[in-house]
N, C-alpha and C. Protein backbone atom coordinates (compact mmCIF):
# COMPACT_ATOMS: atom_id res chain seq x y z
N UNK A 1 -26.37 -11.92 1.08
CA UNK A 1 -26.23 -11.02 2.29
C UNK A 1 -24.95 -11.09 2.83
N UNK A 2 -24.33 -9.96 3.07
CA UNK A 2 -22.93 -9.95 3.55
C UNK A 2 -22.92 -10.35 5.04
N UNK A 3 -21.82 -11.04 5.39
CA UNK A 3 -21.53 -11.37 6.73
C UNK A 3 -21.33 -10.22 7.58
N UNK A 4 -21.71 -10.20 8.85
CA UNK A 4 -21.35 -9.04 9.71
C UNK A 4 -19.94 -9.28 10.35
N UNK A 5 -19.27 -8.22 10.57
CA UNK A 5 -17.93 -8.28 11.12
C UNK A 5 -17.97 -7.93 12.71
N UNK A 6 -17.20 -8.86 13.31
CA UNK A 6 -17.35 -8.72 14.77
C UNK A 6 -16.69 -7.29 15.23
N UNK A 7 -17.25 -6.80 16.34
CA UNK A 7 -16.77 -5.50 16.88
C UNK A 7 -15.35 -5.52 17.00
N UNK A 8 -14.74 -6.63 17.39
CA UNK A 8 -13.32 -6.65 17.71
C UNK A 8 -12.58 -6.51 16.40
N UNK A 9 -13.13 -7.19 15.33
CA UNK A 9 -12.35 -6.96 14.05
C UNK A 9 -12.53 -5.53 13.60
N UNK A 10 -13.71 -5.05 13.79
CA UNK A 10 -13.88 -3.57 13.28
C UNK A 10 -12.95 -2.70 13.97
N UNK A 11 -12.76 -2.87 15.28
CA UNK A 11 -11.82 -2.04 16.06
C UNK A 11 -10.41 -2.14 15.60
N UNK A 12 -10.01 -3.50 15.38
CA UNK A 12 -8.59 -3.71 14.79
C UNK A 12 -8.40 -3.00 13.50
N UNK A 13 -9.38 -3.06 12.62
CA UNK A 13 -9.20 -2.57 11.30
C UNK A 13 -9.15 -1.03 11.34
N UNK A 14 -10.00 -0.42 12.18
CA UNK A 14 -10.00 1.04 12.37
C UNK A 14 -8.75 1.51 13.07
N UNK A 15 -8.09 0.86 13.84
CA UNK A 15 -6.95 1.20 14.56
C UNK A 15 -5.62 0.85 13.77
N UNK A 16 -5.61 -0.16 12.92
CA UNK A 16 -4.41 -0.52 12.24
C UNK A 16 -3.86 0.61 11.40
N UNK A 17 -2.58 0.66 11.39
CA UNK A 17 -1.85 1.78 10.51
C UNK A 17 -1.18 0.95 9.36
N UNK A 18 -1.51 1.27 8.11
CA UNK A 18 -1.10 0.50 7.02
C UNK A 18 -0.15 1.36 6.20
N UNK A 19 1.08 0.82 5.79
CA UNK A 19 1.88 1.58 4.76
C UNK A 19 1.64 0.67 3.49
N UNK A 20 1.29 1.37 2.31
CA UNK A 20 1.17 0.87 1.04
C UNK A 20 2.30 1.40 0.21
N UNK A 21 3.22 0.55 -0.28
CA UNK A 21 4.38 0.90 -1.03
C UNK A 21 4.04 0.59 -2.50
N UNK A 22 3.75 1.69 -3.15
CA UNK A 22 3.37 1.56 -4.63
C UNK A 22 1.94 1.88 -4.86
N UNK A 23 1.70 2.96 -5.72
CA UNK A 23 0.15 3.39 -5.97
C UNK A 23 -0.09 3.24 -7.44
N UNK A 24 0.48 2.21 -8.11
CA UNK A 24 0.25 2.09 -9.58
C UNK A 24 -1.01 1.04 -9.55
N UNK A 25 -0.90 0.21 -10.56
CA UNK A 25 -1.93 -0.78 -10.93
C UNK A 25 -2.50 -1.71 -9.71
N UNK A 26 -1.58 -2.29 -9.11
CA UNK A 26 -1.90 -3.14 -7.88
C UNK A 26 -2.37 -2.13 -6.78
N UNK A 27 -1.45 -1.09 -6.60
CA UNK A 27 -1.67 -0.20 -5.35
C UNK A 27 -3.04 0.51 -5.48
N UNK A 28 -3.54 0.90 -6.71
CA UNK A 28 -4.72 1.53 -6.87
C UNK A 28 -5.84 0.59 -6.23
N UNK A 29 -5.82 -0.56 -6.70
CA UNK A 29 -6.79 -1.51 -6.26
C UNK A 29 -6.87 -1.85 -4.79
N UNK A 30 -5.52 -1.90 -4.30
CA UNK A 30 -5.30 -2.27 -2.85
C UNK A 30 -5.87 -1.10 -2.02
N UNK A 31 -5.58 0.22 -2.45
CA UNK A 31 -5.95 1.49 -1.71
C UNK A 31 -7.46 1.45 -1.57
N UNK A 32 -8.10 1.14 -2.75
CA UNK A 32 -9.51 1.30 -2.79
C UNK A 32 -10.21 0.42 -1.93
N UNK A 33 -9.66 -0.98 -1.89
CA UNK A 33 -10.16 -1.96 -0.90
C UNK A 33 -9.82 -1.65 0.52
N UNK A 34 -8.69 -1.09 0.85
CA UNK A 34 -8.49 -0.65 2.17
C UNK A 34 -9.64 0.33 2.60
N UNK A 35 -9.80 1.37 1.85
CA UNK A 35 -10.76 2.38 2.17
C UNK A 35 -12.28 1.80 2.33
N UNK A 36 -12.56 0.90 1.40
CA UNK A 36 -13.95 0.25 1.37
C UNK A 36 -14.02 -0.69 2.74
N UNK A 37 -12.94 -1.28 3.04
CA UNK A 37 -13.05 -2.14 4.24
C UNK A 37 -13.02 -1.43 5.66
N UNK A 38 -12.82 -0.08 5.57
CA UNK A 38 -12.83 0.70 6.76
C UNK A 38 -11.50 0.97 7.45
N UNK A 39 -10.38 0.67 6.84
CA UNK A 39 -9.07 1.10 7.26
C UNK A 39 -9.04 2.63 7.40
N UNK A 40 -8.66 3.10 8.54
CA UNK A 40 -8.69 4.61 8.68
C UNK A 40 -7.27 5.24 8.70
N UNK A 41 -6.15 4.46 8.90
CA UNK A 41 -4.86 5.10 8.80
C UNK A 41 -4.08 4.46 7.81
N UNK A 42 -3.85 4.99 6.65
CA UNK A 42 -3.19 4.45 5.50
C UNK A 42 -2.18 5.50 5.00
N UNK A 43 -0.89 5.16 4.87
CA UNK A 43 0.03 6.06 4.17
C UNK A 43 0.42 5.31 2.96
N UNK A 44 0.65 5.99 1.73
CA UNK A 44 0.94 5.42 0.52
C UNK A 44 2.23 6.18 0.09
N UNK A 45 3.17 5.42 -0.40
CA UNK A 45 4.45 6.00 -0.83
C UNK A 45 4.69 5.55 -2.31
N UNK A 46 5.05 6.45 -3.28
CA UNK A 46 5.31 6.04 -4.61
C UNK A 46 6.12 7.25 -5.30
N UNK A 47 7.21 6.87 -5.89
CA UNK A 47 8.14 8.02 -6.45
C UNK A 47 7.67 8.38 -7.83
N UNK A 48 6.72 7.70 -8.36
CA UNK A 48 6.31 7.78 -9.82
C UNK A 48 5.16 8.89 -10.01
N UNK A 49 5.25 9.46 -11.17
CA UNK A 49 4.13 10.45 -11.67
C UNK A 49 3.17 9.63 -12.53
N UNK A 50 1.95 10.07 -12.83
CA UNK A 50 1.14 9.52 -13.67
C UNK A 50 1.42 9.81 -15.11
N UNK A 51 1.55 8.71 -15.98
CA UNK A 51 1.82 8.86 -17.40
C UNK A 51 0.49 8.46 -18.16
N UNK A 52 0.36 8.92 -19.30
CA UNK A 52 -0.78 8.62 -20.20
C UNK A 52 -0.87 7.02 -20.30
N UNK A 53 0.27 6.33 -20.30
CA UNK A 53 0.17 4.90 -20.49
C UNK A 53 -0.32 4.16 -19.19
N UNK A 54 -0.33 4.84 -18.13
CA UNK A 54 -0.93 4.16 -16.91
C UNK A 54 -2.51 4.17 -16.91
N UNK A 55 -3.19 4.96 -17.66
CA UNK A 55 -4.60 5.30 -17.57
C UNK A 55 -5.41 4.07 -17.99
N UNK A 56 -4.81 3.05 -18.84
CA UNK A 56 -5.70 1.91 -19.18
C UNK A 56 -5.55 0.79 -18.01
N UNK A 57 -4.70 0.99 -17.06
CA UNK A 57 -4.82 -0.01 -15.96
C UNK A 57 -4.82 0.39 -14.60
N UNK A 58 -4.65 1.73 -14.42
CA UNK A 58 -4.65 2.34 -13.18
C UNK A 58 -5.92 3.25 -12.80
N UNK A 59 -7.00 2.51 -12.46
CA UNK A 59 -8.40 3.14 -12.55
C UNK A 59 -8.53 4.22 -11.66
N UNK A 60 -7.78 4.62 -10.79
CA UNK A 60 -8.06 5.81 -9.94
C UNK A 60 -7.65 7.09 -10.82
N UNK A 61 -6.95 6.86 -11.85
CA UNK A 61 -6.39 8.01 -12.58
C UNK A 61 -7.14 8.33 -13.84
N UNK A 62 -7.11 9.65 -14.32
CA UNK A 62 -7.72 9.97 -15.29
C UNK A 62 -6.72 11.08 -16.12
N UNK A 63 -7.12 11.42 -17.37
CA UNK A 63 -6.25 12.20 -18.21
C UNK A 63 -5.84 13.48 -17.54
N UNK A 64 -6.81 14.12 -16.65
CA UNK A 64 -6.47 15.31 -15.97
C UNK A 64 -5.33 15.15 -14.92
N UNK A 65 -5.10 13.98 -14.62
CA UNK A 65 -3.99 13.71 -13.49
C UNK A 65 -2.68 13.40 -14.18
N UNK A 66 -2.49 13.32 -15.37
CA UNK A 66 -1.10 13.05 -16.01
C UNK A 66 -0.12 14.09 -15.45
N UNK A 67 1.04 13.63 -15.13
CA UNK A 67 2.10 14.47 -14.53
C UNK A 67 2.10 14.69 -13.09
N UNK A 68 0.96 14.22 -12.35
CA UNK A 68 0.88 14.31 -11.03
C UNK A 68 1.30 13.18 -10.09
N UNK A 69 1.72 13.29 -8.92
CA UNK A 69 2.18 12.14 -8.07
C UNK A 69 1.20 11.11 -8.03
N UNK A 70 1.49 9.78 -8.41
CA UNK A 70 0.56 8.74 -8.17
C UNK A 70 -0.02 8.48 -6.70
N UNK A 71 1.02 8.62 -5.80
CA UNK A 71 0.56 8.51 -4.38
C UNK A 71 -0.36 9.61 -4.03
N UNK A 72 -0.24 10.83 -4.25
CA UNK A 72 -1.04 11.90 -3.91
C UNK A 72 -2.46 11.64 -4.52
N UNK A 73 -2.58 11.49 -5.77
CA UNK A 73 -3.90 11.33 -6.47
C UNK A 73 -4.57 10.20 -5.98
N UNK A 74 -3.98 8.96 -5.76
CA UNK A 74 -4.51 7.81 -5.24
C UNK A 74 -5.22 8.05 -3.86
N UNK A 75 -4.25 8.73 -3.05
CA UNK A 75 -4.66 8.81 -1.69
C UNK A 75 -5.98 9.82 -1.55
N UNK A 76 -5.80 10.84 -2.36
CA UNK A 76 -7.03 11.87 -2.50
C UNK A 76 -8.35 11.32 -2.99
N UNK A 77 -8.14 10.45 -3.90
CA UNK A 77 -9.36 9.76 -4.45
C UNK A 77 -9.90 8.73 -3.50
N UNK A 78 -9.03 7.78 -3.02
CA UNK A 78 -9.49 6.87 -1.90
C UNK A 78 -10.17 7.55 -0.76
N UNK A 79 -9.66 8.63 -0.30
CA UNK A 79 -10.29 9.44 0.88
C UNK A 79 -11.63 9.92 0.42
N UNK A 80 -11.67 10.55 -0.73
CA UNK A 80 -12.93 11.24 -1.11
C UNK A 80 -14.08 10.34 -1.67
N UNK A 81 -13.57 9.33 -2.46
CA UNK A 81 -14.57 8.43 -3.15
C UNK A 81 -14.80 7.14 -2.42
N UNK A 82 -13.90 6.61 -1.61
CA UNK A 82 -14.15 5.22 -1.25
C UNK A 82 -14.25 5.15 0.40
N UNK A 83 -13.63 5.95 1.07
CA UNK A 83 -13.69 5.84 2.54
C UNK A 83 -15.13 6.10 2.97
N UNK A 84 -15.49 5.22 3.91
CA UNK A 84 -16.98 5.22 4.36
C UNK A 84 -17.15 6.59 5.25
N UNK A 85 -16.25 7.12 5.91
CA UNK A 85 -16.26 8.30 6.62
C UNK A 85 -15.02 9.27 6.31
N UNK A 86 -15.03 9.81 5.10
CA UNK A 86 -13.90 10.52 4.49
C UNK A 86 -13.21 11.62 5.53
N UNK A 87 -14.00 12.19 6.45
CA UNK A 87 -13.50 13.15 7.33
C UNK A 87 -12.93 12.44 8.59
N UNK A 88 -13.14 11.23 8.72
CA UNK A 88 -12.57 10.47 9.92
C UNK A 88 -11.32 9.57 9.52
N UNK A 89 -10.77 9.76 8.33
CA UNK A 89 -9.59 8.81 7.91
C UNK A 89 -8.33 9.72 7.98
N UNK A 90 -7.24 9.13 8.15
CA UNK A 90 -5.88 9.67 8.32
C UNK A 90 -5.13 9.01 7.10
N UNK A 91 -5.32 9.60 5.89
CA UNK A 91 -4.67 9.08 4.77
C UNK A 91 -3.72 10.04 4.31
N UNK A 92 -2.42 9.53 4.11
CA UNK A 92 -1.36 10.35 3.84
C UNK A 92 -0.45 9.85 2.67
N UNK A 93 0.19 10.76 1.90
CA UNK A 93 0.96 10.27 0.81
C UNK A 93 2.45 10.75 0.94
N UNK A 94 3.40 9.98 0.30
CA UNK A 94 4.69 10.51 0.25
C UNK A 94 5.22 10.22 -1.21
N UNK A 95 5.57 11.29 -1.79
CA UNK A 95 6.05 11.30 -3.22
C UNK A 95 7.64 11.00 -3.07
N UNK A 96 8.11 9.87 -2.84
CA UNK A 96 9.50 9.62 -2.60
C UNK A 96 9.82 8.13 -2.99
N UNK A 97 11.12 7.82 -3.02
CA UNK A 97 11.57 6.45 -3.13
C UNK A 97 11.58 5.89 -1.81
N UNK A 98 10.95 4.60 -1.72
CA UNK A 98 11.09 3.71 -0.43
C UNK A 98 12.44 3.47 -0.05
N UNK A 99 13.36 3.59 -0.87
CA UNK A 99 14.77 3.27 -0.75
C UNK A 99 15.62 4.26 -0.07
N UNK A 100 14.97 5.42 0.23
CA UNK A 100 15.79 6.53 0.84
C UNK A 100 16.08 6.05 2.16
N UNK A 101 17.24 6.64 2.74
CA UNK A 101 17.71 6.36 4.19
C UNK A 101 16.71 6.68 5.26
N UNK A 102 15.87 7.67 4.91
CA UNK A 102 14.84 7.98 5.98
C UNK A 102 13.78 6.97 6.26
N UNK A 103 13.68 5.95 5.24
CA UNK A 103 12.77 4.91 5.44
C UNK A 103 13.44 3.66 5.98
N UNK A 104 13.77 3.83 7.22
CA UNK A 104 14.73 2.75 8.03
C UNK A 104 13.86 1.96 8.79
N UNK A 105 14.38 1.09 9.65
CA UNK A 105 13.69 0.10 10.45
C UNK A 105 12.74 0.95 11.37
N UNK A 106 13.26 1.88 12.03
CA UNK A 106 12.37 2.83 12.87
C UNK A 106 11.23 3.21 12.35
N UNK A 107 11.31 3.73 11.05
CA UNK A 107 10.14 4.17 10.18
C UNK A 107 9.14 2.98 10.08
N UNK A 108 9.54 1.93 9.66
CA UNK A 108 8.64 0.73 9.44
C UNK A 108 8.06 0.31 10.78
N UNK A 109 8.59 0.48 11.90
CA UNK A 109 8.11 0.13 13.17
C UNK A 109 6.81 0.90 13.59
N UNK A 110 6.59 2.01 12.82
CA UNK A 110 5.42 2.79 13.14
C UNK A 110 4.01 2.10 12.57
N UNK A 111 4.10 1.08 11.82
CA UNK A 111 3.06 0.39 11.05
C UNK A 111 2.74 -0.80 11.73
N UNK A 112 1.35 -1.08 11.55
CA UNK A 112 0.92 -2.52 11.84
C UNK A 112 1.16 -3.46 10.80
N UNK A 113 1.14 -3.12 9.46
CA UNK A 113 1.15 -3.91 8.47
C UNK A 113 1.74 -3.18 7.31
N UNK A 114 2.41 -3.78 6.34
CA UNK A 114 2.89 -3.19 5.25
C UNK A 114 2.47 -3.99 3.99
N UNK A 115 1.99 -3.20 2.94
CA UNK A 115 1.70 -3.87 1.67
C UNK A 115 2.63 -3.35 0.50
N UNK A 116 3.24 -4.26 -0.09
CA UNK A 116 4.09 -3.96 -1.31
C UNK A 116 3.13 -4.02 -2.58
N UNK A 117 3.19 -3.20 -3.48
CA UNK A 117 2.48 -3.14 -4.65
C UNK A 117 3.38 -2.60 -5.78
N UNK A 118 4.49 -3.36 -5.95
CA UNK A 118 5.65 -2.83 -6.66
C UNK A 118 5.97 -3.73 -7.97
N UNK A 119 6.62 -3.19 -8.93
CA UNK A 119 7.14 -3.95 -10.00
C UNK A 119 8.58 -3.78 -9.99
N UNK A 120 9.34 -3.24 -9.05
CA UNK A 120 10.70 -3.01 -8.87
C UNK A 120 11.35 -4.05 -7.90
N UNK A 121 12.12 -5.01 -8.39
CA UNK A 121 12.58 -6.09 -7.47
C UNK A 121 13.52 -5.49 -6.35
N UNK A 122 14.42 -4.52 -6.71
CA UNK A 122 15.25 -3.92 -5.58
C UNK A 122 14.41 -3.32 -4.50
N UNK A 123 13.33 -2.59 -4.84
CA UNK A 123 12.68 -2.01 -3.86
C UNK A 123 11.79 -3.05 -3.08
N UNK A 124 11.31 -4.15 -3.77
CA UNK A 124 10.56 -5.16 -3.08
C UNK A 124 11.45 -5.82 -2.03
N UNK A 125 12.75 -6.10 -2.49
CA UNK A 125 13.64 -6.68 -1.51
C UNK A 125 14.08 -5.87 -0.42
N UNK A 126 14.18 -4.43 -0.69
CA UNK A 126 14.39 -3.54 0.49
C UNK A 126 13.27 -3.56 1.64
N UNK A 127 12.04 -3.45 1.00
CA UNK A 127 10.92 -3.44 1.98
C UNK A 127 10.91 -4.76 2.71
N UNK A 128 11.07 -5.87 2.05
CA UNK A 128 11.26 -7.18 2.70
C UNK A 128 12.12 -7.25 3.85
N UNK A 129 13.36 -6.59 3.66
CA UNK A 129 14.34 -6.59 4.68
C UNK A 129 14.02 -5.70 5.89
N UNK A 130 13.25 -4.54 5.48
CA UNK A 130 12.97 -3.59 6.54
C UNK A 130 11.86 -4.20 7.40
N UNK A 131 10.86 -4.90 6.80
CA UNK A 131 9.75 -5.56 7.48
C UNK A 131 10.33 -6.66 8.32
N UNK A 132 11.21 -7.39 7.89
CA UNK A 132 11.78 -8.41 8.71
C UNK A 132 12.52 -7.95 9.98
N UNK A 133 13.26 -6.84 9.76
CA UNK A 133 14.13 -6.23 10.85
C UNK A 133 13.24 -5.55 11.82
N UNK A 134 11.99 -4.86 11.29
CA UNK A 134 11.15 -4.37 12.19
C UNK A 134 10.11 -5.23 12.85
N UNK A 135 10.02 -6.55 12.27
CA UNK A 135 9.07 -7.48 12.75
C UNK A 135 7.55 -7.07 12.51
N UNK A 136 7.40 -6.60 11.42
CA UNK A 136 6.16 -6.07 10.92
C UNK A 136 5.72 -7.02 9.63
N UNK A 137 4.41 -7.58 9.69
CA UNK A 137 4.02 -8.37 8.63
C UNK A 137 3.86 -7.69 7.29
N UNK A 138 4.32 -8.28 6.15
CA UNK A 138 4.31 -7.66 4.84
C UNK A 138 3.45 -8.49 4.00
N UNK A 139 2.46 -7.89 3.24
CA UNK A 139 1.93 -8.57 2.21
C UNK A 139 2.56 -8.23 0.92
N UNK A 140 3.26 -9.08 0.28
CA UNK A 140 4.21 -8.82 -0.77
C UNK A 140 3.30 -9.13 -2.03
N UNK A 141 3.10 -8.15 -2.77
CA UNK A 141 2.49 -8.28 -4.04
C UNK A 141 3.09 -7.49 -5.17
N UNK A 142 3.17 -8.00 -6.35
CA UNK A 142 3.90 -7.20 -7.25
C UNK A 142 3.78 -7.98 -8.68
N UNK A 143 4.33 -7.36 -9.58
CA UNK A 143 4.42 -7.84 -10.98
C UNK A 143 5.77 -7.89 -11.49
N UNK A 144 6.03 -8.78 -12.39
CA UNK A 144 7.18 -8.92 -13.12
C UNK A 144 6.67 -9.33 -14.73
N UNK A 145 6.74 -8.26 -15.52
CA UNK A 145 6.06 -8.27 -16.73
C UNK A 145 4.59 -8.58 -16.65
N UNK A 146 4.10 -9.65 -17.07
CA UNK A 146 2.58 -10.08 -17.17
C UNK A 146 2.19 -10.93 -15.84
N UNK A 147 3.30 -11.38 -15.12
CA UNK A 147 3.08 -12.24 -14.10
C UNK A 147 2.97 -11.54 -12.82
N UNK A 148 1.82 -11.73 -12.08
CA UNK A 148 1.63 -11.17 -10.71
C UNK A 148 1.60 -12.21 -9.64
N UNK A 149 1.83 -11.81 -8.44
CA UNK A 149 1.74 -12.67 -7.29
C UNK A 149 1.65 -11.96 -6.06
N UNK A 150 1.21 -12.71 -4.93
CA UNK A 150 1.03 -12.10 -3.70
C UNK A 150 1.32 -13.26 -2.61
N UNK A 151 1.76 -12.86 -1.58
CA UNK A 151 2.03 -13.72 -0.44
C UNK A 151 2.27 -12.97 0.80
N UNK A 152 1.96 -13.57 1.91
CA UNK A 152 2.18 -12.98 3.25
C UNK A 152 3.56 -13.25 3.85
N UNK A 153 4.17 -12.46 4.29
CA UNK A 153 5.55 -12.71 4.91
C UNK A 153 5.45 -12.24 6.29
N UNK A 154 5.74 -13.16 7.21
CA UNK A 154 5.74 -12.84 8.65
C UNK A 154 6.96 -13.51 9.35
N UNK A 155 7.70 -12.58 9.84
CA UNK A 155 9.08 -13.00 10.55
C UNK A 155 8.90 -14.30 11.28
N UNK A 156 9.56 -15.37 11.11
CA UNK A 156 9.59 -16.58 11.93
C UNK A 156 8.30 -17.48 11.55
N UNK A 157 7.57 -16.98 10.65
CA UNK A 157 6.46 -17.93 10.37
C UNK A 157 6.41 -18.31 8.91
N UNK A 158 6.83 -17.43 8.00
CA UNK A 158 6.91 -17.72 6.58
C UNK A 158 8.16 -17.41 6.07
N UNK A 159 8.32 -17.88 4.79
CA UNK A 159 9.65 -17.59 4.12
C UNK A 159 9.46 -16.14 3.64
N UNK A 160 10.65 -15.45 3.58
CA UNK A 160 10.74 -14.02 3.14
C UNK A 160 10.73 -13.98 1.62
N UNK A 161 10.57 -12.71 1.07
CA UNK A 161 10.63 -12.56 -0.31
C UNK A 161 11.88 -13.04 -0.94
N UNK A 162 12.97 -12.80 -0.37
CA UNK A 162 14.19 -13.22 -0.94
C UNK A 162 14.49 -14.75 -0.73
N UNK A 163 13.79 -15.30 0.23
CA UNK A 163 14.06 -16.82 0.56
C UNK A 163 13.48 -17.79 -0.33
N UNK A 164 12.68 -17.32 -1.28
CA UNK A 164 12.09 -18.37 -2.21
C UNK A 164 13.01 -18.74 -3.34
């Protein structure tokens, strides 16, 4: 039997604004879980398009999605297939690089929480620096080859991504 969630926690989840950076293998799983948990405000950013080689590990995508934006397809599927109230969610995507100058400290300050789901070390370091400067918590997760890891980064509380 599942545990009940306190009304205060339910409110915090529904009001939180989440930025997901990366909509590939880890990002697909994270996005599905955010939707199932009741997060209503999620923005996903990814500059990649879906390739046939992604289909064996990025479960939100199928052959008909090849060539389309990973962020767009992932957001559309999370909204329609996993959100408990699809009409009441604010899910958006950006088919861009997180390293663009428009994604500066002020951009990051609009979010309650940021989740990295990247395999690019330079982008991971950039998001780490932006979150530290904006004083926004970051769940850093990513892969390097076959090795995956995740950790919470909170300014003044934990070591940063580049500090390890």
